[in-house]
Amino acid sequence: MLQSEIDGLSLELRGAVEAAGDLEALERIRVEVLGRKGRVTELLKGLGKMAPEQRLRIAPALNALKDGVAAALEQRRDRLKAAELDARLAAERLDLSLPARPEGEGRVHPVSQVMDELVAIFSDMGFTVAEGPDIEDDFHNFTALNIPPEHPARQMMDTFYLKPRPDGQRMVLRTHTSPVQIRTMRDNPPPYRIIVPGRTYRCDSDQTHTPMFHQVEGLVIDRDTHMGHLKGTLVEFCRAFFEVAEVKMRFRPSHFPFTEPSAEVDIGCSRKSGELRIGEGEDWLEILGCGMVHPKVLQNCGLDPEEWQGFAWGMGIDRIAMLKYGIPDLRAFFDCDLRWLRHYGFVPLDQPSLGRGLSR
């Protein structure tokens, strides 16, 4: 075989490769040329029958032919794939300039809306958002928070326990977001100013309770923090959240294992004509619990209660959403009823802010 014949074959095969109109045609050419019985493959098999001098002359040319055709096939394959992708993208293109159909417009769930409102309010006060796992161990969920072993909250009637681990430890679905406070204090140096919104779980279900619900807790730890700071923070929160100029508040003595002293907070309201109005009237409505962080909790987190002190509070996000937006039944929050969501939901792009108003 002469070199001129090999060069002619190379031009012929490269021309066939370039003429392939799609990937299927290109694959047929590859099999015909480089397959087990392809034209180039058969020529390479014939090297064994040649004289040594001829083999030394022809073998490099045939290998170069094979490599050149393989490279041409690969380049053509890449171009065909790119062209195929461009055609597909052109065929599947969406005209995003068209307005959304009213029936297809989504709504933000009231719980998500209230979470955004809480973040907007407390961020303006200098708080940051902290997060933690939904599945907790006994130490973070109970022990570190000064909850004794005999406390009812530890009983299976109130708490969702998981199957025991090989070491016998039983994890729980967190019953409050307070474990995130513990994790923050143990993992970071003070001072702290955080809020912790998130899901919590308890064995309870009725018109005002569900097995899974949402809480937000706040924590402030510093050297000179006192109850006056706690009251001022909560007063400003209620004014901003309920969007009223003034709100009556009272602090009733209470007991929580993780705070001392502890208090429950009521706000003034009116229920005339079956309508609930916040900030006016002679009735009272409980909205949250709070208090100064118990010294034992600080010690469990490695903080010296002689140097550091602070306050904490917690409230149900679902509950304050019901109060603010007049939602009568908590269970409807989790029914996945689009009619309910269209009625109580919020426009997605209308993000809450103190400047423009939280619930415009």
Protein backbone atom coordinates (compact mmCIF):
# COMPACT_ATOMS: atom_id res chain seq x y z
CA MET A 1 0.00 0.00 0.00
CA LEU A 2 1.36 3.39 -0.99
CA GLN A 3 1.44 6.53 1.17
CA SER A 4 -0.65 8.32 -1.43
CA GLU A 5 -3.39 5.70 -1.03
CA ILE A 6 -3.38 6.19 2.77
CA ASP A 7 -3.60 9.98 2.34
CA GLY A 8 -6.50 9.59 -0.07
CA LEU A 9 -8.32 7.29 2.36
CA SER A 10 -7.77 9.80 5.16
CA LEU A 11 -9.41 12.58 3.13
CA GLU A 12 -12.30 10.31 2.21
CA LEU A 13 -12.98 9.24 5.80
CA ARG A 14 -12.66 12.76 7.23
CA GLY A 15 -15.11 13.97 4.60
CA ALA A 16 -17.59 11.28 5.58
CA VAL A 17 -17.24 12.25 9.25
CA GLU A 18 -17.91 15.94 8.50
CA ALA A 19 -20.93 15.00 6.38
CA ALA A 20 -22.61 13.10 9.25
CA GLY A 21 -25.82 14.97 10.03
CA ASP A 22 -26.56 13.56 13.48
CA LEU A 23 -25.09 11.42 16.23
CA GLU A 24 -26.70 8.24 14.90
CA ALA A 25 -25.10 8.69 11.45
CA LEU A 26 -21.77 9.49 13.09
CA GLU A 27 -21.90 6.28 15.09
CA ARG A 28 -22.51 4.25 11.92
CA ILE A 29 -19.39 5.78 10.34
CA ARG A 30 -17.33 5.00 13.45
CA VAL A 31 -18.37 1.33 13.31
CA GLU A 32 -17.69 1.12 9.54
CA VAL A 33 -14.22 2.64 9.96
CA LEU A 34 -12.92 1.72 13.41
CA GLY A 35 -15.18 -1.17 14.43
CA ARG A 36 -14.01 -4.77 14.74
CA LYS A 37 -14.44 -5.23 10.97
CA GLY A 38 -13.94 -1.59 10.01
CA ARG A 39 -11.89 -0.46 7.03
CA VAL A 40 -8.98 0.90 9.07
CA THR A 41 -9.11 -2.04 11.46
CA GLU A 42 -8.79 -4.49 8.57
CA LEU A 43 -5.79 -2.58 7.20
CA LEU A 44 -4.09 -2.78 10.59
CA LYS A 45 -4.77 -6.52 10.76
CA GLY A 46 -2.98 -6.87 7.41
CA LEU A 47 0.30 -5.55 8.82
CA GLY A 48 1.18 -9.02 10.03
CA LYS A 49 1.29 -10.35 6.47
CA MET A 50 3.69 -7.68 5.22
CA ALA A 51 7.42 -7.93 4.90
CA PRO A 52 9.35 -6.33 7.80
CA GLU A 53 10.62 -3.45 5.65
CA GLN A 54 7.15 -2.68 4.33
CA ARG A 55 5.60 -3.00 7.82
CA LEU A 56 8.06 -0.44 9.23
CA ARG A 57 7.01 1.98 6.49
CA ILE A 58 3.23 1.42 6.49
CA ALA A 59 2.49 0.87 10.21
CA PRO A 60 3.16 4.48 11.36
CA ALA A 61 1.04 5.83 8.50
CA LEU A 62 -1.90 3.53 9.35
CA ASN A 63 -1.70 4.38 13.07
CA ALA A 64 -1.66 8.07 12.19
CA LEU A 65 -4.72 7.45 9.98
CA LYS A 66 -6.55 5.71 12.83
CA ASP A 67 -5.71 8.46 15.35
CA GLY A 68 -6.69 11.20 12.90
CA VAL A 69 -10.07 9.63 12.13
CA ALA A 70 -10.74 9.05 15.85
CA ALA A 71 -9.96 12.71 16.60
CA ALA A 72 -12.21 13.85 13.77
CA LEU A 73 -15.03 11.66 15.10
CA GLU A 74 -14.66 13.11 18.60
CA GLN A 75 -14.67 16.72 17.36
CA ARG A 76 -17.70 16.11 15.16
CA ARG A 77 -19.50 14.39 18.07
CA ASP A 78 -18.92 17.42 20.31
CA ARG A 79 -20.27 19.81 17.66
CA LEU A 80 -23.33 17.66 17.04
CA LYS A 81 -24.07 17.42 20.78
CA ALA A 82 -23.76 21.20 21.13
CA ALA A 83 -26.07 21.75 18.17
CA GLU A 84 -28.56 19.25 19.59
CA LEU A 85 -28.53 21.03 22.96
CA ASP A 86 -29.05 24.43 21.32
CA ALA A 87 -32.00 23.08 19.36
CA ARG A 88 -33.53 21.60 22.51
CA LEU A 89 -33.08 24.82 24.47
CA ALA A 90 -34.67 26.80 21.65
CA ALA A 91 -37.63 24.41 21.52
CA GLU A 92 -38.15 24.45 25.33
CA ARG A 93 -37.69 28.18 25.79
CA LEU A 94 -40.15 29.94 28.13
CA ASP A 95 -41.31 33.49 27.63
CA LEU A 96 -40.72 34.83 31.13
CA SER A 97 -42.02 38.24 30.11
CA LEU A 98 -45.58 36.96 30.22
CA PRO A 99 -47.47 37.84 33.42
CA ALA A 100 -48.28 35.04 35.85
CA ARG A 101 -51.77 33.68 35.72
CA PRO A 102 -53.75 34.73 38.81
CA GLU A 103 -54.80 31.16 39.57
CA GLY A 104 -51.17 30.05 39.50
CA GLU A 105 -49.77 32.68 41.84
CA GLY A 106 -48.37 31.23 45.04
CA ARG A 107 -48.83 32.52 48.58
CA VAL A 108 -46.51 32.69 51.58
CA HIS A 109 -47.84 30.67 54.54
CA PRO A 110 -48.74 32.79 57.63
CA VAL A 111 -46.11 30.94 59.70
CA SER A 112 -43.38 31.81 57.19
CA GLN A 113 -44.67 35.38 57.05
CA VAL A 114 -44.55 35.75 60.84
CA MET A 115 -41.04 34.25 60.95
CA ASP A 116 -39.93 36.89 58.46
CA GLU A 117 -41.61 39.58 60.55
CA LEU A 118 -39.85 38.36 63.71
CA VAL A 119 -36.47 38.39 61.97
CA ALA A 120 -37.11 41.91 60.65
CA ILE A 121 -38.05 43.22 64.11
CA PHE A 122 -35.27 41.62 66.13
CA SER A 123 -32.61 42.20 63.48
CA ASP A 124 -33.39 45.89 63.85
CA MET A 125 -32.68 45.50 67.58
CA GLY A 126 -29.28 43.90 66.88
CA PHE A 127 -30.22 40.22 67.25
CA THR A 128 -28.93 37.44 65.02
CA VAL A 129 -30.71 34.23 64.05
CA ALA A 130 -29.38 30.94 65.48
CA GLU A 131 -30.35 27.45 64.30
CA GLY A 132 -29.90 23.90 65.55
CA PRO A 133 -30.97 20.27 64.92
CA ASP A 134 -34.56 19.07 65.35
CA ILE A 135 -33.32 15.80 66.92
CA GLU A 136 -31.64 16.44 70.27
CA ASP A 137 -30.00 14.52 73.08
CA ASP A 138 -31.15 14.54 76.69
CA PHE A 139 -28.43 16.92 77.84
CA HIS A 140 -29.21 19.78 75.45
CA ASN A 141 -33.00 19.35 75.56
CA PHE A 142 -33.41 18.80 79.32
CA THR A 143 -30.39 18.52 81.63
CA ALA A 144 -28.51 21.65 80.60
CA LEU A 145 -31.75 23.62 80.97
CA ASN A 146 -32.07 22.63 84.64
CA ILE A 147 -35.04 20.33 83.96
CA PRO A 148 -34.97 17.62 86.68
CA PRO A 149 -35.31 13.91 85.86
CA GLU A 150 -38.81 13.72 87.39
CA HIS A 151 -40.15 16.69 85.41
CA PRO A 152 -43.37 15.89 83.43
CA ALA A 153 -41.80 17.26 80.23
CA ARG A 154 -39.48 14.22 80.19
CA GLN A 155 -42.36 11.73 80.21
CA MET A 156 -43.32 9.82 77.06
CA MET A 157 -46.83 11.26 77.26
CA ASP A 158 -45.39 14.68 76.42
CA THR A 159 -42.23 13.94 74.42
CA PHE A 160 -41.44 12.06 71.21
CA TYR A 161 -38.56 9.67 71.98
CA LEU A 162 -36.62 7.84 69.28
CA LYS A 163 -35.46 4.23 69.52
CA PRO A 164 -32.50 3.72 71.87
CA ARG A 165 -29.01 3.86 70.41
CA PRO A 166 -26.49 1.02 70.92
CA ASP A 167 -25.17 2.88 73.98
CA GLY A 168 -28.69 3.09 75.43
CA GLN A 169 -29.09 6.83 74.85
CA ARG A 170 -32.52 7.91 73.58
CA MET A 171 -32.68 10.95 71.32
CA VAL A 172 -35.80 13.13 71.28
CA LEU A 173 -37.57 15.44 68.87
CA ARG A 174 -36.81 18.75 70.55
CA THR A 175 -39.67 19.97 72.71
CA HIS A 176 -38.58 23.61 72.45
CA THR A 177 -35.92 25.64 70.65
CA SER A 178 -34.03 26.22 73.91
CA PRO A 179 -31.37 23.59 73.05
CA VAL A 180 -30.10 26.02 70.41
CA GLN A 181 -29.45 28.52 73.21
CA ILE A 182 -27.38 25.87 75.01
CA ARG A 183 -25.41 25.06 71.86
CA THR A 184 -24.76 28.76 71.22
CA MET A 185 -23.48 29.38 74.75
CA ARG A 186 -21.28 26.26 74.78
CA ASP A 187 -19.80 26.84 71.32
CA ASN A 188 -19.25 30.62 71.31
CA PRO A 189 -17.87 33.19 73.75
CA PRO A 190 -20.28 35.73 75.31
CA PRO A 191 -21.98 38.17 74.97
CA TYR A 192 -25.00 36.80 73.08
CA ARG A 193 -28.02 38.38 71.47
CA ILE A 194 -29.90 35.77 69.43
CA ILE A 195 -33.37 34.65 68.42
CA VAL A 196 -34.12 31.01 67.61
CA PRO A 197 -37.14 30.37 65.36
CA GLY A 198 -37.92 26.80 64.37
CA ARG A 199 -40.03 23.65 64.60
CA THR A 200 -40.72 21.91 67.90
CA TYR A 201 -42.58 18.69 68.79
CA ARG A 202 -44.86 17.57 71.62
CA CYS A 203 -47.52 14.89 72.06
CA ASP A 204 -50.57 17.15 71.91
CA SER A 205 -53.35 17.80 69.40
CA ASP A 206 -56.51 19.93 69.61
CA GLN A 207 -57.84 23.27 68.34
CA THR A 208 -54.88 25.18 69.78
CA HIS A 209 -52.17 22.48 69.86
CA THR A 210 -50.51 20.30 67.22
CA PRO A 211 -47.80 17.60 67.51
CA MET A 212 -45.48 19.78 65.42
CA PHE A 213 -45.55 23.54 65.93
CA HIS A 214 -43.26 26.55 65.70
CA GLN A 215 -41.54 28.53 68.43
CA VAL A 216 -39.25 31.51 68.63
CA GLU A 217 -37.02 32.09 71.62
CA GLY A 218 -34.70 34.93 72.43
CA LEU A 219 -31.55 35.06 74.52
CA VAL A 220 -29.44 37.97 75.74
CA ILE A 221 -26.36 37.37 77.89
CA ASP A 222 -24.11 40.21 79.01
CA ARG A 223 -22.50 41.54 82.18
CA ASP A 224 -25.09 44.16 83.16
CA THR A 225 -28.35 42.78 81.73
CA HIS A 226 -31.45 43.00 83.96
CA MET A 227 -35.25 42.62 83.93
CA GLY A 228 -35.68 46.20 82.75
CA HIS A 229 -33.90 45.32 79.52
CA LEU A 230 -36.17 42.30 79.13
CA LYS A 231 -39.31 44.38 79.57
CA GLY A 232 -38.11 47.06 77.17
CA THR A 233 -37.28 44.48 74.51
CA LEU A 234 -40.68 42.82 74.74
CA VAL A 235 -42.59 46.12 74.77
CA GLU A 236 -40.85 47.25 71.59
CA PHE A 237 -41.46 43.85 70.01
CA CYS A 238 -45.19 43.94 70.72
CA ARG A 239 -45.53 47.48 69.37
CA ALA A 240 -43.75 46.55 66.15
CA PHE A 241 -45.35 43.13 65.64
CA PHE A 242 -48.95 44.09 66.33
CA GLU A 243 -48.38 47.47 64.64
CA VAL A 244 -49.88 49.58 67.41
CA ALA A 245 -48.56 52.80 68.93
CA GLU A 246 -49.02 51.62 72.53
CA VAL A 247 -49.69 48.26 74.12
CA LYS A 248 -50.54 47.45 77.73
CA MET A 249 -48.42 44.67 79.20
CA ARG A 250 -48.26 42.94 82.55
CA PHE A 251 -45.72 40.48 83.91
CA ARG A 252 -47.19 37.75 86.16
CA PRO A 253 -44.85 35.69 88.37
CA SER A 254 -44.46 32.14 87.10
CA HIS A 255 -42.01 29.24 87.22
CA PHE A 256 -39.76 27.76 84.53
CA PRO A 257 -36.79 25.51 85.40
CA PHE A 258 -34.42 27.49 83.18
CA THR A 259 -35.19 31.04 84.39
CA GLU A 260 -35.24 32.70 87.83
CA PRO A 261 -37.17 34.90 88.34
CA SER A 262 -39.73 33.83 85.75
CA ALA A 263 -42.80 35.57 84.40
CA GLU A 264 -45.65 35.14 81.96
CA VAL A 265 -46.54 38.15 79.83
CA ASP A 266 -50.08 39.33 79.07
CA ILE A 267 -51.04 42.09 76.68
CA GLY A 268 -54.13 44.27 76.81
CA CYS A 269 -56.90 43.52 74.34
CA SER A 270 -60.56 44.05 73.57
CA ARG A 271 -63.06 41.39 72.46
CA LYS A 272 -66.07 43.61 71.81
CA SER A 273 -68.53 42.38 69.16
CA GLY A 274 -66.49 39.20 68.75
CA GLU A 275 -63.50 41.09 67.31
CA LEU A 276 -60.10 40.84 68.95
CA ARG A 277 -58.17 44.12 69.12
CA ILE A 278 -54.64 44.24 70.49
CA GLY A 279 -53.47 47.19 72.57
CA GLU A 280 -56.83 48.44 73.77
CA GLY A 281 -59.63 47.35 76.12
CA GLU A 282 -59.76 45.86 79.60
CA ASP A 283 -59.15 42.17 78.79
CA TRP A 284 -55.81 40.38 78.91
CA LEU A 285 -54.23 37.84 76.62
CA GLU A 286 -51.22 35.66 77.47
CA ILE A 287 -48.61 35.60 74.70
CA LEU A 288 -45.27 34.36 76.09
CA GLY A 289 -43.08 33.27 78.98
CA CYS A 290 -39.79 34.85 80.01
CA GLY A 291 -37.31 35.44 82.81
CA MET A 292 -33.69 35.86 83.83
CA VAL A 293 -31.51 32.91 82.82
CA HIS A 294 -31.06 30.54 85.77
CA PRO A 295 -27.48 30.50 87.20
CA LYS A 296 -27.38 26.69 86.84
CA VAL A 297 -28.03 27.00 83.12
CA LEU A 298 -25.10 29.40 82.82
CA GLN A 299 -22.89 27.00 84.78
CA ASN A 300 -23.94 24.09 82.55
CA CYS A 301 -22.74 26.16 79.59
CA GLY A 302 -19.39 26.98 81.16
CA LEU A 303 -20.25 30.58 82.09
CA ASP A 304 -19.61 32.17 85.48
CA PRO A 305 -22.96 33.47 86.86
CA GLU A 306 -21.01 35.94 88.99
CA GLU A 307 -19.76 37.59 85.79
CA TRP A 308 -22.52 36.94 83.24
CA GLN A 309 -26.29 37.23 83.44
CA GLY A 310 -29.09 37.64 80.97
CA PHE A 311 -32.69 37.01 80.03
CA ALA A 312 -34.65 34.72 77.73
CA TRP A 313 -38.17 34.46 76.41
CA GLY A 314 -40.19 32.11 74.24
CA MET A 315 -43.48 32.23 72.37
CA GLY A 316 -45.45 30.14 69.88
CA ILE A 317 -45.18 31.48 66.34
CA ASP A 318 -48.40 29.74 65.30
CA ARG A 319 -50.22 31.30 68.24
CA ILE A 320 -49.15 34.88 67.60
CA ALA A 321 -49.93 34.39 63.89
CA MET A 322 -53.46 33.35 64.87
CA LEU A 323 -53.82 36.40 67.11
CA LYS A 324 -52.51 38.92 64.60
CA TYR A 325 -54.29 37.63 61.50
CA GLY A 326 -57.54 36.35 63.04
CA ILE A 327 -57.06 32.65 62.29
CA PRO A 328 -59.47 30.65 64.49
CA ASP A 329 -58.11 27.08 64.29
CA LEU A 330 -54.46 26.04 64.52
CA ARG A 331 -55.07 22.73 62.75
CA ALA A 332 -55.86 24.56 59.50
CA PHE A 333 -52.20 25.63 59.37
CA PHE A 334 -51.27 22.06 58.41
CA ASP A 335 -54.27 20.99 56.27
CA CYS A 336 -52.63 21.92 52.94
CA ASP A 337 -55.87 23.58 51.80
CA LEU A 338 -55.08 25.95 48.91
CA ARG A 339 -58.32 27.85 49.46
CA TRP A 340 -57.25 28.61 53.04
CA LEU A 341 -53.76 29.61 51.89
CA ARG A 342 -55.13 31.95 49.21
CA HIS A 343 -57.26 33.62 51.88
CA TYR A 344 -54.67 33.93 54.67
CA GLY A 345 -51.45 33.82 52.62
CA PHE A 346 -49.18 36.69 51.58
CA VAL A 347 -47.69 37.89 48.30
CA PRO A 348 -44.24 36.22 47.98
CA LEU A 349 -42.22 39.25 46.91
CA ASP A 350 -43.69 41.60 49.52
CA GLN A 351 -41.05 41.02 52.20
CA PRO A 352 -41.72 42.39 55.71
CA SER A 353 -39.70 45.41 56.81
CA LEU A 354 -40.10 47.97 59.57
CA GLY A 355 -39.71 50.82 57.10
CA ARG A 356 -42.51 49.78 54.73
CA GLY A 357 -44.70 47.99 57.28
CA LEU A 358 -44.69 44.35 58.30
CA SER A 359 -48.04 43.15 56.93
CA ARG A 360 -48.93 45.50 54.09
